[in-house]
Amino acid sequence: MAPSPFMRALREHMLMRRYGERTVDSYLYWVRYYIHYHGKRHPADMGAKEVLSFLTFLAVQRKVAASTQKVALNALAYLYNKYLGMPLGNLGEFNKARQPRKLPVVLTREEVQRLLGSLRGSPALLASLLYGSGLRRIEAIRLRVKDVDFDHLQLRIWAGKGNKHRITTLAPELVPSLRRQVKQVALLHEQDLATEGYAGVWLPHALARKYPSASRRLGWHYLFPSTRLSLEPGTTNLRRHHVDESSINKILRRAVAEVEIDKEVTSHTLRHSFATHLLEAGADIRTVQEQLGHQDVKTTEIYTHVLRRGGRGVVSPLSQLLAGGRENE
């Protein structure tokens, strides 16, 4: 079903302000849901009362997570404050979704070693970057050849979560594998350039206008490219995108089963393990915060749970009792 002129215009409004595609799609989803919830009334005919009603519905009936409700609120705030020019003002009290903060699943160093050792080729390199550089899954697959700084052993992450840029560490042990990966990308690049109709790699609109020839240069091509060329959605542009994001967790699930790790492991588990192992080795929490790209150090502090062994560092009285018993033997 084709989007309405209103939704198309809203999309263009966000893209012109350099909102990421994922954020745009997410905001459009919640705006559309909001409109349907209120019987397809036009947002300009509604306001704070209807927004409060919708947010309460999400918390009470849908029982969404607090983070999900916050995204919906951000979407509607953008709609009214920035697009319609009808500021919502102070929404006051509404039923906020609540969700207990979950402790991250963390692998031991030995488990990470077993997991990475069971992988081969590009999947092994991808998983090694997730753990070795603390990358989010989307950050890893969006890496471009030029983002790898071999000289300074670092990775440049562009437009990460919150549209923020950062630099993170690169393990020197991965350099040989990365150089081999770049050679494979270069071979595909040569084939693509010789393919009729090839339009180069996708670039953000502003960059595509500023550097019109960049899309055909090797440095801008994805480090982990798709196995085939495809048409860019909504266009006739033939391009090679990056590997599919969902494939990473599928690969990890198979590897976890193979090495018999009895934990719920996803790509984010490797990022959690990166942070925890850095702190365990004595890294400063502010440094870890910068490596992860967290806006607030409180988000990083959750990883200190591993350092507080035995329930926040408390020694169980049973351990003391048994230790005393052994001393009297």
C-alpha atoms as a PDB file:
ATOM      1  CA  MET A   1       0.000   0.000   0.000  1.00  0.00           C
ATOM      2  CA  ALA A   2       1.466   3.342  -1.084  1.00  0.00           C
ATOM      3  CA  PRO A   3       2.065   5.911   1.677  1.00  0.00           C
ATOM      4  CA  SER A   4      -0.255   8.914   1.836  1.00  0.00           C
ATOM      5  CA  PRO A   5       0.961  12.360   0.689  1.00  0.00           C
ATOM      6  CA  PHE A   6       1.044  13.381   4.375  1.00  0.00           C
ATOM      7  CA  MET A   7       3.348  10.491   5.346  1.00  0.00           C
ATOM      8  CA  ARG A   8       5.539  11.046   2.268  1.00  0.00           C
ATOM      9  CA  ALA A   9       5.952  14.704   3.175  1.00  0.00           C
ATOM     10  CA  LEU A  10       6.759  13.819   6.785  1.00  0.00           C
ATOM     11  CA  ARG A  11       9.420  11.371   5.600  1.00  0.00           C
ATOM     12  CA  GLU A  12      11.020  14.000   3.350  1.00  0.00           C
ATOM     13  CA  HIS A  13      10.944  16.513   6.221  1.00  0.00           C
ATOM     14  CA  MET A  14      12.971  14.144   8.437  1.00  0.00           C
ATOM     15  CA  LEU A  15      15.394  13.133   5.711  1.00  0.00           C
ATOM     16  CA  MET A  16      16.120  16.780   4.902  1.00  0.00           C
ATOM     17  CA  ARG A  17      17.128  17.200   8.545  1.00  0.00           C
ATOM     18  CA  ARG A  18      19.505  14.240   8.245  1.00  0.00           C
ATOM     19  CA  TYR A  19      17.591  11.796  10.387  1.00  0.00           C
ATOM     20  CA  GLY A  20      18.782   8.222   9.819  1.00  0.00           C
ATOM     21  CA  GLU A  21      16.660   5.850   7.733  1.00  0.00           C
ATOM     22  CA  ARG A  22      15.995   3.639  10.751  1.00  0.00           C
ATOM     23  CA  THR A  23      14.811   6.565  12.842  1.00  0.00           C
ATOM     24  CA  VAL A  24      12.619   7.801   9.996  1.00  0.00           C
ATOM     25  CA  ASP A  25      11.005   4.380   9.516  1.00  0.00           C
ATOM     26  CA  SER A  26      10.463   4.020  13.260  1.00  0.00           C
ATOM     27  CA  TYR A  27       8.900   7.477  13.635  1.00  0.00           C
ATOM     28  CA  LEU A  28       6.617   6.909  10.645  1.00  0.00           C
ATOM     29  CA  TYR A  29       5.455   3.622  12.146  1.00  0.00           C
ATOM     30  CA  TRP A  30       4.409   5.287  15.411  1.00  0.00           C
ATOM     31  CA  VAL A  31       2.760   8.262  13.690  1.00  0.00           C
ATOM     32  CA  ARG A  32       0.773   5.873  11.499  1.00  0.00           C
ATOM     33  CA  TYR A  33      -0.198   3.788  14.546  1.00  0.00           C
ATOM     34  CA  TYR A  34      -1.287   6.960  16.397  1.00  0.00           C
ATOM     35  CA  ILE A  35      -3.475   8.060  13.487  1.00  0.00           C
ATOM     36  CA  HIS A  36      -5.152   4.650  13.206  1.00  0.00           C
ATOM     37  CA  TYR A  37      -5.668   4.443  16.974  1.00  0.00           C
ATOM     38  CA  HIS A  38      -7.701   7.647  16.807  1.00  0.00           C
ATOM     39  CA  GLY A  39      -9.870   6.481  13.922  1.00  0.00           C
ATOM     40  CA  LYS A  40      -7.722   7.969  11.157  1.00  0.00           C
ATOM     41  CA  ARG A  41      -8.224  11.539  12.329  1.00  0.00           C
ATOM     42  CA  HIS A  42      -5.716  14.026  10.966  1.00  0.00           C
ATOM     43  CA  PRO A  43      -2.969  14.827  13.530  1.00  0.00           C
ATOM     44  CA  ALA A  44      -3.604  18.567  13.052  1.00  0.00           C
ATOM     45  CA  ASP A  45      -7.106  18.029  14.462  1.00  0.00           C
ATOM     46  CA  MET A  46      -5.680  16.414  17.607  1.00  0.00           C
ATOM     47  CA  GLY A  47      -3.163  17.389  20.250  1.00  0.00           C
ATOM     48  CA  ALA A  48      -1.754  16.701  23.716  1.00  0.00           C
ATOM     49  CA  LYS A  49      -4.912  14.966  24.991  1.00  0.00           C
ATOM     50  CA  GLU A  50      -4.865  12.428  22.163  1.00  0.00           C
ATOM     51  CA  VAL A  51      -1.109  11.905  22.520  1.00  0.00           C
ATOM     52  CA  LEU A  52      -1.519  11.182  26.252  1.00  0.00           C
ATOM     53  CA  SER A  53      -4.346   8.754  25.514  1.00  0.00           C
ATOM     54  CA  PHE A  54      -2.205   6.908  22.960  1.00  0.00           C
ATOM     55  CA  LEU A  55       0.847   6.678  25.225  1.00  0.00           C
ATOM     56  CA  THR A  56      -1.299   5.368  28.072  1.00  0.00           C
ATOM     57  CA  PHE A  57      -2.801   2.762  25.727  1.00  0.00           C
ATOM     58  CA  LEU A  58       0.688   1.561  24.814  1.00  0.00           C
ATOM     59  CA  ALA A  59       1.644   1.154  28.479  1.00  0.00           C
ATOM     60  CA  VAL A  60      -1.583  -0.293  29.849  1.00  0.00           C
ATOM     61  CA  GLN A  61      -3.066  -2.334  26.998  1.00  0.00           C
ATOM     62  CA  ARG A  62      -0.058  -3.102  24.855  1.00  0.00           C
ATOM     63  CA  LYS A  63       2.311  -3.352  27.855  1.00  0.00           C
ATOM     64  CA  VAL A  64       5.213  -2.080  25.755  1.00  0.00           C
ATOM     65  CA  ALA A  65       8.691  -1.612  27.204  1.00  0.00           C
ATOM     66  CA  ALA A  66       9.620   1.798  28.576  1.00  0.00           C
ATOM     67  CA  SER A  67      12.097   2.302  25.728  1.00  0.00           C
ATOM     68  CA  THR A  68       9.387   1.556  23.142  1.00  0.00           C
ATOM     69  CA  GLN A  69       6.991   4.061  24.670  1.00  0.00           C
ATOM     70  CA  LYS A  70       9.783   6.643  24.682  1.00  0.00           C
ATOM     71  CA  VAL A  71      10.380   6.163  20.947  1.00  0.00           C
ATOM     72  CA  ALA A  72       6.646   6.610  20.303  1.00  0.00           C
ATOM     73  CA  LEU A  73       6.688   9.819  22.368  1.00  0.00           C
ATOM     74  CA  ASN A  74       9.728  11.110  20.458  1.00  0.00           C
ATOM     75  CA  ALA A  75       7.983  10.383  17.154  1.00  0.00           C
ATOM     76  CA  LEU A  76       4.857  12.295  18.148  1.00  0.00           C
ATOM     77  CA  ALA A  77       6.880  15.146  19.630  1.00  0.00           C
ATOM     78  CA  TYR A  78       8.677  15.485  16.282  1.00  0.00           C
ATOM     79  CA  LEU A  79       5.351  15.367  14.433  1.00  0.00           C
ATOM     80  CA  TYR A  80       3.804  18.196  16.440  1.00  0.00           C
ATOM     81  CA  ASN A  81       6.762  20.319  17.513  1.00  0.00           C
ATOM     82  CA  LYS A  82       8.848  20.268  14.335  1.00  0.00           C
ATOM     83  CA  TYR A  83       6.609  19.233  11.450  1.00  0.00           C
ATOM     84  CA  LEU A  84       3.155  20.637  12.224  1.00  0.00           C
ATOM     85  CA  GLY A  85       4.407  23.574  14.273  1.00  0.00           C
ATOM     86  CA  MET A  86       1.877  22.773  17.015  1.00  0.00           C
ATOM     87  CA  PRO A  87       4.038  22.369  20.154  1.00  0.00           C
ATOM     88  CA  LEU A  88       2.651  19.824  22.585  1.00  0.00           C
ATOM     89  CA  GLY A  89       4.069  21.641  25.606  1.00  0.00           C
ATOM     90  CA  ASN A  90       4.295  19.868  28.941  1.00  0.00           C
ATOM     91  CA  LEU A  91       2.392  16.599  28.666  1.00  0.00           C
ATOM     92  CA  GLY A  92       2.253  16.278  32.448  1.00  0.00           C
ATOM     93  CA  GLU A  93       1.610  12.871  33.952  1.00  0.00           C
ATOM     94  CA  PHE A  94       0.705   9.831  31.913  1.00  0.00           C
ATOM     95  CA  ASN A  95       0.968   6.102  32.432  1.00  0.00           C
ATOM     96  CA  LYS A  96       4.606   5.391  31.796  1.00  0.00           C
ATOM     97  CA  ALA A  97       5.653   1.921  30.736  1.00  0.00           C
ATOM     98  CA  ARG A  98       7.967   0.390  33.284  1.00  0.00           C
ATOM     99  CA  GLN A  99      10.489  -2.343  32.752  1.00  0.00           C
ATOM    100  CA  PRO A 100      13.046  -3.675  35.220  1.00  0.00           C
ATOM    101  CA  ARG A 101      16.560  -3.090  33.980  1.00  0.00           C
ATOM    102  CA  LYS A 102      18.011  -6.336  32.735  1.00  0.00           C
ATOM    103  CA  LEU A 103      21.557  -7.343  33.455  1.00  0.00           C
ATOM    104  CA  PRO A 104      23.441  -8.099  30.242  1.00  0.00           C
ATOM    105  CA  VAL A 105      24.431 -11.640  29.348  1.00  0.00           C
ATOM    106  CA  VAL A 106      28.233 -11.823  29.376  1.00  0.00           C
ATOM    107  CA  LEU A 107      30.496 -14.593  28.126  1.00  0.00           C
ATOM    108  CA  THR A 108      33.667 -15.616  29.903  1.00  0.00           C
ATOM    109  CA  ARG A 109      36.927 -15.194  28.025  1.00  0.00           C
ATOM    110  CA  GLU A 110      37.104 -18.953  27.552  1.00  0.00           C
ATOM    111  CA  GLU A 111      33.579 -18.998  26.075  1.00  0.00           C
ATOM    112  CA  VAL A 112      34.434 -16.158  23.689  1.00  0.00           C
ATOM    113  CA  GLN A 113      37.525 -18.061  22.578  1.00  0.00           C
ATOM    114  CA  ARG A 114      35.508 -21.216  21.911  1.00  0.00           C
ATOM    115  CA  LEU A 115      32.825 -19.298  20.056  1.00  0.00           C
ATOM    116  CA  LEU A 116      35.210 -17.359  17.806  1.00  0.00           C
ATOM    117  CA  GLY A 117      37.296 -20.485  17.229  1.00  0.00           C
ATOM    118  CA  SER A 118      34.274 -22.272  15.757  1.00  0.00           C
ATOM    119  CA  LEU A 119      33.748 -19.642  13.055  1.00  0.00           C
ATOM    120  CA  ARG A 120      35.529 -19.244   9.727  1.00  0.00           C
ATOM    121  CA  GLY A 121      35.900 -16.582   7.020  1.00  0.00           C
ATOM    122  CA  SER A 122      33.861 -13.380   7.084  1.00  0.00           C
ATOM    123  CA  PRO A 123      31.581 -14.529   9.945  1.00  0.00           C
ATOM    124  CA  ALA A 124      34.669 -15.073  12.129  1.00  0.00           C
ATOM    125  CA  LEU A 125      35.980 -11.598  11.290  1.00  0.00           C
ATOM    126  CA  LEU A 126      32.599  -9.975  11.928  1.00  0.00           C
ATOM    127  CA  ALA A 127      32.187 -11.681  15.301  1.00  0.00           C
ATOM    128  CA  SER A 128      35.763 -10.794  16.228  1.00  0.00           C
ATOM    129  CA  LEU A 129      35.043  -7.107  15.543  1.00  0.00           C
ATOM    130  CA  LEU A 130      31.857  -7.227  17.604  1.00  0.00           C
ATOM    131  CA  TYR A 131      33.862  -8.498  20.572  1.00  0.00           C
ATOM    132  CA  GLY A 132      37.265  -6.930  19.876  1.00  0.00           C
ATOM    133  CA  SER A 133      35.954  -3.418  19.172  1.00  0.00           C
ATOM    134  CA  GLY A 134      32.653  -3.422  21.052  1.00  0.00           C
ATOM    135  CA  LEU A 135      30.571  -2.727  17.956  1.00  0.00           C
ATOM    136  CA  ARG A 136      26.835  -2.864  17.623  1.00  0.00           C
ATOM    137  CA  ARG A 137      25.692  -5.277  14.927  1.00  0.00           C
ATOM    138  CA  ILE A 138      24.515  -2.521  12.564  1.00  0.00           C
ATOM    139  CA  GLU A 139      27.787  -0.621  13.074  1.00  0.00           C
ATOM    140  CA  ALA A 140      29.804  -3.678  12.037  1.00  0.00           C
ATOM    141  CA  ILE A 141      27.922  -4.373   8.814  1.00  0.00           C
ATOM    142  CA  ARG A 142      27.915  -0.687   7.861  1.00  0.00           C
ATOM    143  CA  LEU A 143      31.699  -0.417   8.048  1.00  0.00           C
ATOM    144  CA  ARG A 144      33.238   0.795   4.807  1.00  0.00           C
ATOM    145  CA  VAL A 145      36.761   0.031   3.620  1.00  0.00           C
ATOM    146  CA  LYS A 146      37.942   3.555   4.422  1.00  0.00           C
ATOM    147  CA  ASP A 147      36.732   3.253   8.045  1.00  0.00           C
ATOM    148  CA  VAL A 148      39.547   0.840   8.932  1.00  0.00           C
ATOM    149  CA  ASP A 149      42.630   2.752  10.077  1.00  0.00           C
ATOM    150  CA  PHE A 150      45.464   0.224   9.921  1.00  0.00           C
ATOM    151  CA  ASP A 151      48.122   2.770  10.857  1.00  0.00           C
ATOM    152  CA  HIS A 152      46.535   3.796  14.152  1.00  0.00           C
ATOM    153  CA  LEU A 153      44.729   0.498  14.843  1.00  0.00           C
ATOM    154  CA  GLN A 154      41.281   1.992  15.122  1.00  0.00           C
ATOM    155  CA  LEU A 155      37.859   1.925  13.496  1.00  0.00           C
ATOM    156  CA  ARG A 156      35.858   5.014  12.616  1.00  0.00           C
ATOM    157  CA  ILE A 157      32.154   4.591  13.370  1.00  0.00           C
ATOM    158  CA  TRP A 158      29.936   7.057  11.522  1.00  0.00           C
ATOM    159  CA  ALA A 159      26.342   7.865  12.503  1.00  0.00           C
ATOM    160  CA  GLY A 160      26.098   5.274  15.247  1.00  0.00           C
ATOM    161  CA  LYS A 161      23.231   5.217  17.736  1.00  0.00           C
ATOM    162  CA  GLY A 162      21.944   8.743  18.213  1.00  0.00           C
ATOM    163  CA  ASN A 163      23.629   9.676  14.916  1.00  0.00           C
ATOM    164  CA  LYS A 164      26.940  10.053  16.772  1.00  0.00           C
ATOM    165  CA  HIS A 165      30.448   9.410  15.442  1.00  0.00           C
ATOM    166  CA  ARG A 166      33.241   7.788  17.430  1.00  0.00           C
ATOM    167  CA  ILE A 167      36.571   6.000  17.194  1.00  0.00           C
ATOM    168  CA  THR A 168      37.075   2.582  18.757  1.00  0.00           C
ATOM    169  CA  THR A 169      40.020   0.254  19.135  1.00  0.00           C
ATOM    170  CA  LEU A 170      41.142  -2.371  16.628  1.00  0.00           C
ATOM    171  CA  ALA A 171      42.958  -5.489  17.767  1.00  0.00           C
ATOM    172  CA  PRO A 172      46.256  -5.805  15.823  1.00  0.00           C
ATOM    173  CA  GLU A 173      45.651  -9.563  15.571  1.00  0.00           C
ATOM    174  CA  LEU A 174      42.790  -8.841  13.166  1.00  0.00           C
ATOM    175  CA  VAL A 175      44.906  -6.845  10.690  1.00  0.00           C
ATOM    176  CA  PRO A 176      45.842  -9.825   8.442  1.00  0.00           C
ATOM    177  CA  SER A 177      42.197 -10.962   8.241  1.00  0.00           C
ATOM    178  CA  LEU A 178      41.026  -7.425   7.533  1.00  0.00           C
ATOM    179  CA  ARG A 179      43.574  -6.978   4.738  1.00  0.00           C
ATOM    180  CA  ARG A 180      42.354 -10.227   3.160  1.00  0.00           C
ATOM    181  CA  GLN A 181      38.778  -8.987   3.462  1.00  0.00           C
ATOM    182  CA  VAL A 182      39.662  -5.719   1.730  1.00  0.00           C
ATOM    183  CA  LYS A 183      41.234  -7.704  -1.127  1.00  0.00           C
ATOM    184  CA  GLN A 184      38.006  -9.684  -1.520  1.00  0.00           C
ATOM    185  CA  VAL A 185      36.004  -6.453  -1.587  1.00  0.00           C
ATOM    186  CA  ALA A 186      38.395  -5.048  -4.200  1.00  0.00           C
ATOM    187  CA  LEU A 187      37.775  -8.056  -6.465  1.00  0.00           C
ATOM    188  CA  LEU A 188      34.002  -7.616  -6.176  1.00  0.00           C
ATOM    189  CA  HIS A 189      34.455  -3.904  -6.781  1.00  0.00           C
ATOM    190  CA  GLU A 190      36.228  -4.567 -10.094  1.00  0.00           C
ATOM    191  CA  GLN A 191      33.453  -6.941 -11.175  1.00  0.00           C
ATOM    192  CA  ASP A 192      30.766  -4.433 -10.220  1.00  0.00           C
ATOM    193  CA  LEU A 193      32.397  -1.590 -12.148  1.00  0.00           C
ATOM    194  CA  ALA A 194      32.377  -3.810 -15.229  1.00  0.00           C
ATOM    195  CA  THR A 195      28.671  -4.632 -14.784  1.00  0.00           C
ATOM    196  CA  GLU A 196      26.284  -2.719 -17.028  1.00  0.00           C
ATOM    197  CA  GLY A 197      23.998  -0.420 -15.061  1.00  0.00           C
ATOM    198  CA  TYR A 198      26.039  -0.498 -11.865  1.00  0.00           C
ATOM    199  CA  ALA A 199      25.346   2.767  -9.996  1.00  0.00           C
ATOM    200  CA  GLY A 200      28.006   2.469  -7.312  1.00  0.00           C
ATOM    201  CA  VAL A 201      27.545   1.916  -3.591  1.00  0.00           C
ATOM    202  CA  TRP A 202      24.792   3.754  -1.715  1.00  0.00           C
ATOM    203  CA  LEU A 203      25.845   7.010  -0.049  1.00  0.00           C
ATOM    204  CA  PRO A 204      23.852   9.369   2.186  1.00  0.00           C
ATOM    205  CA  HIS A 205      22.204  12.007  -0.004  1.00  0.00           C
ATOM    206  CA  ALA A 206      24.380  14.918   1.137  1.00  0.00           C
ATOM    207  CA  LEU A 207      27.586  12.958   0.497  1.00  0.00           C
ATOM    208  CA  ALA A 208      26.332  11.731  -2.869  1.00  0.00           C
ATOM    209  CA  ARG A 209      25.807  15.350  -3.943  1.00  0.00           C
ATOM    210  CA  LYS A 210      29.083  16.615  -2.482  1.00  0.00           C
ATOM    211  CA  TYR A 211      31.223  13.755  -3.843  1.00  0.00           C
ATOM    212  CA  PRO A 212      29.457  12.516  -6.990  1.00  0.00           C
ATOM    213  CA  SER A 213      32.267  10.082  -7.925  1.00  0.00           C
ATOM    214  CA  ALA A 214      32.717   8.615  -4.416  1.00  0.00           C
ATOM    215  CA  SER A 215      30.090   5.896  -4.902  1.00  0.00           C
ATOM    216  CA  ARG A 216      32.375   4.136  -7.398  1.00  0.00           C
ATOM    217  CA  ARG A 217      35.536   4.313  -5.273  1.00  0.00           C
ATOM    218  CA  LEU A 218      36.730   1.282  -3.354  1.00  0.00           C
ATOM    219  CA  GLY A 219      37.092   3.122  -0.054  1.00  0.00           C
ATOM    220  CA  TRP A 220      33.375   3.844   0.167  1.00  0.00           C
ATOM    221  CA  HIS A 221      32.316   0.253  -0.445  1.00  0.00           C
ATOM    222  CA  TYR A 222      31.099  -1.901   2.421  1.00  0.00           C
ATOM    223  CA  LEU A 223      33.670  -4.030   4.207  1.00  0.00           C
ATOM    224  CA  PHE A 224      31.137  -6.865   4.444  1.00  0.00           C
ATOM    225  CA  PRO A 225      29.291  -6.714   1.122  1.00  0.00           C
ATOM    226  CA  SER A 226      26.269  -8.704   0.040  1.00  0.00           C
ATOM    227  CA  THR A 227      26.929 -11.690  -2.209  1.00  0.00           C
ATOM    228  CA  ARG A 228      24.872 -10.202  -5.029  1.00  0.00           C
ATOM    229  CA  LEU A 229      23.893  -6.933  -6.653  1.00  0.00           C
ATOM    230  CA  SER A 230      20.356  -5.663  -6.153  1.00  0.00           C
ATOM    231  CA  LEU A 231      18.165  -2.706  -7.016  1.00  0.00           C
ATOM    232  CA  GLU A 232      17.980   0.067  -4.467  1.00  0.00           C
ATOM    233  CA  PRO A 233      14.367   0.120  -3.178  1.00  0.00           C
ATOM    234  CA  GLY A 234      12.195   2.601  -5.044  1.00  0.00           C
ATOM    235  CA  THR A 235      14.805   3.220  -7.746  1.00  0.00           C
ATOM    236  CA  THR A 236      16.429   1.599 -10.766  1.00  0.00           C
ATOM    237  CA  ASN A 237      19.906   1.948  -9.219  1.00  0.00           C
ATOM    238  CA  LEU A 238      21.869  -1.310  -9.268  1.00  0.00           C
ATOM    239  CA  ARG A 239      24.038  -1.512  -6.146  1.00  0.00           C
ATOM    240  CA  ARG A 240      25.828  -3.912  -3.810  1.00  0.00           C
ATOM    241  CA  HIS A 241      24.564  -3.466  -0.266  1.00  0.00           C
ATOM    242  CA  HIS A 242      26.101  -4.819   2.947  1.00  0.00           C
ATOM    243  CA  VAL A 243      25.331  -8.286   4.341  1.00  0.00           C
ATOM    244  CA  ASP A 244      21.932  -8.814   5.887  1.00  0.00           C
ATOM    245  CA  GLU A 245      21.809  -7.792   9.543  1.00  0.00           C
ATOM    246  CA  SER A 246      19.677 -10.742  10.654  1.00  0.00           C
ATOM    247  CA  SER A 247      22.188 -13.272   9.319  1.00  0.00           C
ATOM    248  CA  ILE A 248      24.689 -12.507  12.095  1.00  0.00           C
ATOM    249  CA  ASN A 249      22.544 -13.785  14.953  1.00  0.00           C
ATOM    250  CA  LYS A 250      21.656 -16.892  12.942  1.00  0.00           C
ATOM    251  CA  ILE A 251      25.350 -17.668  12.498  1.00  0.00           C
ATOM    252  CA  LEU A 252      26.034 -17.046  16.189  1.00  0.00           C
ATOM    253  CA  ARG A 253      23.152 -19.295  17.295  1.00  0.00           C
ATOM    254  CA  ARG A 254      24.539 -22.185  15.264  1.00  0.00           C
ATOM    255  CA  ALA A 255      28.047 -21.600  16.625  1.00  0.00           C
ATOM    256  CA  VAL A 256      26.812 -21.400  20.233  1.00  0.00           C
ATOM    257  CA  ALA A 257      24.992 -24.714  19.835  1.00  0.00           C
ATOM    258  CA  GLU A 258      28.090 -26.281  18.287  1.00  0.00           C
ATOM    259  CA  VAL A 259      30.421 -25.304  21.147  1.00  0.00           C
ATOM    260  CA  GLU A 260      27.709 -26.004  23.760  1.00  0.00           C
ATOM    261  CA  ILE A 261      27.522 -22.631  25.472  1.00  0.00           C
ATOM    262  CA  ASP A 262      24.435 -22.662  27.690  1.00  0.00           C
ATOM    263  CA  LYS A 263      23.618 -18.944  27.441  1.00  0.00           C
ATOM    264  CA  GLU A 264      21.300 -16.833  25.293  1.00  0.00           C
ATOM    265  CA  VAL A 265      23.882 -15.347  22.933  1.00  0.00           C
ATOM    266  CA  THR A 266      23.271 -12.635  20.344  1.00  0.00           C
ATOM    267  CA  SER A 267      25.584 -10.212  18.580  1.00  0.00           C
ATOM    268  CA  HIS A 268      25.034  -7.767  21.455  1.00  0.00           C
ATOM    269  CA  THR A 269      26.363 -10.371  23.908  1.00  0.00           C
ATOM    270  CA  LEU A 270      29.800  -9.925  22.349  1.00  0.00           C
ATOM    271  CA  ARG A 271      29.555  -6.149  22.851  1.00  0.00           C
ATOM    272  CA  HIS A 272      28.527  -6.729  26.479  1.00  0.00           C
ATOM    273  CA  SER A 273      31.503  -9.043  26.916  1.00  0.00           C
ATOM    274  CA  PHE A 274      33.878  -6.474  25.390  1.00  0.00           C
ATOM    275  CA  ALA A 275      32.802  -3.850  27.936  1.00  0.00           C
ATOM    276  CA  THR A 276      32.844  -6.193  30.914  1.00  0.00           C
ATOM    277  CA  HIS A 277      36.235  -7.671  30.096  1.00  0.00           C
ATOM    278  CA  LEU A 278      37.743  -4.206  29.627  1.00  0.00           C
ATOM    279  CA  LEU A 279      36.502  -3.122  33.057  1.00  0.00           C
ATOM    280  CA  GLU A 280      37.640  -6.402  34.578  1.00  0.00           C
ATOM    281  CA  ALA A 281      41.129  -5.754  33.209  1.00  0.00           C
ATOM    282  CA  GLY A 282      41.225  -2.348  34.912  1.00  0.00           C
ATOM    283  CA  ALA A 283      40.093   0.013  32.135  1.00  0.00           C
ATOM    284  CA  ASP A 284      38.641   3.342  33.270  1.00  0.00           C
ATOM    285  CA  ILE A 285      34.856   3.441  32.965  1.00  0.00           C
ATOM    286  CA  ARG A 286      34.974   6.735  31.032  1.00  0.00           C
ATOM    287  CA  THR A 287      37.247   5.120  28.460  1.00  0.00           C
ATOM    288  CA  VAL A 288      34.847   2.193  28.111  1.00  0.00           C
ATOM    289  CA  GLN A 289      31.975   4.673  27.767  1.00  0.00           C
ATOM    290  CA  GLU A 290      33.746   6.378  24.862  1.00  0.00           C
ATOM    291  CA  GLN A 291      34.576   3.059  23.193  1.00  0.00           C
ATOM    292  CA  LEU A 292      30.939   1.954  23.366  1.00  0.00           C
ATOM    293  CA  GLY A 293      29.543   5.318  22.317  1.00  0.00           C
ATOM    294  CA  HIS A 294      27.280   5.673  25.364  1.00  0.00           C
ATOM    295  CA  GLN A 295      25.917   9.168  25.892  1.00  0.00           C
ATOM    296  CA  ASP A 296      25.547   8.669  29.659  1.00  0.00           C
ATOM    297  CA  VAL A 297      28.112   6.906  31.845  1.00  0.00           C
ATOM    298  CA  LYS A 298      25.217   5.412  33.828  1.00  0.00           C
ATOM    299  CA  THR A 299      24.514   3.167  30.862  1.00  0.00           C
ATOM    300  CA  THR A 300      28.092   1.895  31.028  1.00  0.00           C
ATOM    301  CA  GLU A 301      27.993   1.363  34.783  1.00  0.00           C
ATOM    302  CA  ILE A 302      25.712  -1.651  34.406  1.00  0.00           C
ATOM    303  CA  TYR A 303      28.753  -3.638  33.273  1.00  0.00           C
ATOM    304  CA  THR A 304      30.414  -3.254  36.643  1.00  0.00           C
ATOM    305  CA  HIS A 305      28.127  -6.043  37.887  1.00  0.00           C
ATOM    306  CA  VAL A 306      30.745  -8.554  36.837  1.00  0.00           C
ATOM    307  CA  LEU A 307      33.346  -6.894  39.040  1.00  0.00           C
ATOM    308  CA  ARG A 308      31.029  -7.103  42.034  1.00  0.00           C
ATOM    309  CA  ARG A 309      31.188 -10.845  42.367  1.00  0.00           C
ATOM    310  CA  GLY A 310      28.917 -12.615  44.803  1.00  0.00           C
ATOM    311  CA  GLY A 311      26.062 -10.106  44.685  1.00  0.00           C
ATOM    312  CA  ARG A 312      27.658  -6.621  44.759  1.00  0.00           C
ATOM    313  CA  GLY A 313      30.798  -7.878  46.460  1.00  0.00           C
ATOM    314  CA  VAL A 314      29.034  -9.320  49.517  1.00  0.00           C
ATOM    315  CA  VAL A 315      30.647 -12.487  50.871  1.00  0.00           C
ATOM    316  CA  SER A 316      27.972 -15.074  51.634  1.00  0.00           C
ATOM    317  CA  PRO A 317      27.793 -16.085  55.332  1.00  0.00           C
ATOM    318  CA  LEU A 318      27.746 -19.687  54.115  1.00  0.00           C
ATOM    319  CA  SER A 319      31.240 -19.207  52.671  1.00  0.00           C
ATOM    320  CA  GLN A 320      32.441 -17.811  55.997  1.00  0.00           C
ATOM    321  CA  LEU A 321      30.810 -20.662  57.890  1.00  0.00           C
ATOM    322  CA  LEU A 322      32.352 -23.334  55.682  1.00  0.00           C
ATOM    323  CA  ALA A 323      35.740 -21.605  55.734  1.00  0.00           C
ATOM    324  CA  GLY A 324      35.650 -21.621  59.548  1.00  0.00           C
ATOM    325  CA  GLY A 325      34.705 -25.264  59.556  1.00  0.00           C
ATOM    326  CA  ARG A 326      37.674 -26.161  57.361  1.00  0.00           C
ATOM    327  CA  GLU A 327      40.026 -24.243  59.675  1.00  0.00           C
ATOM    328  CA  ASN A 328      38.814 -26.313  62.652  1.00  0.00           C
ATOM    329  CA  GLU A 329      39.351 -29.633  60.876  1.00  0.00           C
END
